[in-house]
Protein backbone atom coordinates (compact mmCIF):
# COMPACT_ATOMS: atom_id res chain seq x y z
CA MET A 1 134.27 72.23 79.04
CA PHE A 2 136.43 69.29 80.14
CA ARG A 3 136.70 67.48 76.83
CA ASN A 4 140.15 68.89 75.98
CA SER A 5 141.47 69.00 79.54
CA PHE A 6 142.65 65.41 79.82
CA SER A 7 145.09 63.40 77.79
CA GLY A 8 144.25 59.72 77.45
CA ALA A 9 147.49 58.59 79.04
CA ALA A 10 147.14 60.96 81.96
CA LEU A 11 143.60 59.85 82.75
CA VAL A 12 144.48 56.18 82.52
CA ALA A 13 147.45 56.76 84.82
CA LEU A 14 145.09 58.40 87.28
CA LEU A 15 142.49 55.67 87.00
CA MET A 16 145.15 53.00 87.39
CA ALA A 17 146.76 54.53 90.47
CA PRO A 18 147.48 51.62 92.78
CA ILE A 19 145.93 51.21 96.17
CA GLY A 20 148.72 49.69 98.19
CA ALA A 21 148.98 47.59 101.31
CA SER A 22 148.53 50.61 103.57
CA ALA A 23 145.09 51.34 102.19
CA ASP A 24 143.90 53.18 105.29
CA GLU A 25 146.89 55.52 105.20
CA ALA A 26 146.47 56.01 101.46
CA ALA A 27 142.77 56.74 101.89
CA ASP A 28 143.45 59.23 104.66
CA ALA A 29 146.07 60.97 102.53
CA MET A 30 143.73 61.10 99.51
CA VAL A 31 140.89 62.55 101.54
CA GLN A 32 143.14 65.12 103.21
CA ASP A 33 144.54 66.09 99.83
CA ALA A 34 141.08 66.40 98.28
CA LEU A 35 139.28 68.20 101.13
CA PRO A 36 140.52 71.69 100.22
CA VAL A 37 139.01 71.44 96.72
CA MET A 38 135.77 69.56 97.44
CA TYR A 39 133.77 72.80 97.47
CA HIS A 40 134.20 73.31 93.73
CA SER A 41 131.36 73.37 91.29
CA CYS A 42 131.87 72.79 87.59
CA ALA A 43 131.98 76.54 87.03
CA SER A 44 134.11 77.49 90.03
CA VAL A 45 136.98 75.12 89.19
CA VAL A 46 137.29 76.67 85.73
CA GLU A 47 136.94 80.19 87.13
CA GLU A 48 139.49 79.65 89.89
CA GLY A 49 141.87 77.97 87.46
CA HIS A 50 141.89 81.06 85.19
CA GLY A 51 142.18 78.88 82.09
CA ASP A 52 144.92 76.68 83.57
CA GLU A 53 143.97 73.17 82.46
CA ALA A 54 146.57 71.70 84.80
CA PHE A 55 144.70 73.17 87.77
CA VAL A 56 141.38 71.73 86.58
CA TYR A 57 143.03 68.36 85.96
CA GLU A 58 144.58 68.33 89.44
CA VAL A 59 141.21 69.00 91.09
CA VAL A 60 139.43 66.34 89.01
CA GLU A 61 142.29 63.92 89.66
CA LYS A 62 141.90 64.27 93.42
CA MET A 63 138.15 63.80 93.24
CA THR A 64 138.50 60.80 90.92
CA ALA A 65 140.97 59.12 93.26
CA VAL A 66 138.55 59.50 96.16
CA SER A 67 135.66 58.18 94.05
CA LEU A 68 137.62 55.11 92.97
CA TYR A 69 138.78 54.43 96.51
CA ASN A 70 135.32 54.90 98.04
CA ARG A 71 133.89 52.45 95.52
CA GLN A 72 136.81 50.03 96.06
CA ILE A 73 137.41 49.88 92.32
CA ASP A 74 140.41 48.04 90.92
CA ILE A 75 140.71 49.78 87.59
CA THR A 76 142.86 46.99 86.14
CA ALA A 77 139.69 44.87 86.07
CA PHE A 78 138.30 47.35 83.52
CA SER A 79 141.38 48.26 81.51
CA ASP A 80 144.47 46.25 80.72
CA ASN A 81 145.30 47.53 77.22
CA ASP A 82 145.47 50.76 75.22
CA GLU A 83 142.12 50.18 73.53
CA ASP A 84 140.31 49.76 76.86
CA ALA A 85 142.15 52.77 78.26
CA ALA A 86 141.07 54.93 75.32
CA ARG A 87 137.48 53.75 75.70
CA LEU A 88 137.46 54.54 79.43
CA HIS A 89 139.04 57.93 78.81
CA ALA A 90 136.45 58.87 76.20
CA ALA A 91 133.55 57.66 78.36
CA PHE A 92 134.84 59.48 81.45
CA VAL A 93 135.40 62.78 79.65
CA GLU A 94 132.04 62.53 77.87
CA ALA A 95 130.19 61.91 81.16
CA LEU A 96 132.12 64.65 82.94
CA ASP A 97 131.42 67.12 80.15
CA ALA A 98 127.72 66.15 80.03
CA GLY A 99 127.31 66.46 83.78
CA CYS A 100 128.88 69.90 83.90
CA SER A 101 127.07 71.06 80.77
CA ALA A 102 123.76 70.09 82.37
CA ASP A 103 124.46 72.12 85.52
CA GLN A 104 127.41 74.48 85.83
CA ASN A 105 126.63 74.89 89.54
CA ALA A 106 126.69 71.16 90.25
CA LEU A 107 129.14 70.04 92.89
CA LEU A 108 132.09 68.80 90.87
CA ALA A 109 132.77 65.85 93.17
CA GLY A 110 129.31 64.48 92.41
CA VAL A 111 129.76 64.98 88.68
CA VAL A 112 133.15 63.23 88.85
CA ASP A 113 131.68 60.32 90.81
CA ASN A 114 128.87 59.97 88.27
CA ALA A 115 131.43 60.10 85.44
CA VAL A 116 133.42 57.30 87.07
CA LYS A 117 130.26 55.19 87.34
CA ALA A 118 129.28 55.92 83.74
CA ALA A 119 132.73 55.24 82.32
CA LEU A 120 132.93 51.91 84.11
CA GLY A 121 129.32 50.94 83.40
CA LEU A 122 128.40 50.71 87.07
């Protein structure tokens, strides 16, 4: 379902989003931005998006940012070149696709968090 929804460069840009000096403000903004979409399941995000991959990407992006922040992950420790970025992208998309394929009604935020863990080998 999600395999074709993400370009490698876009996902790496998302995963490498910096967490700046005002981490508390950034965290608050991320959470506030993500709250309106946290209800989505794997199926509902696709249904609500009506085939718009950009919508699905935006929802997953918000959830991924919250997952990375909550886990205090500095993605640059995992990827500093194109080869690593491609590997992370493939692992993330594979885990996301597997999680949603296993349960279309799964809460997407949980599937995204598990995909982050799987992609980073945590």
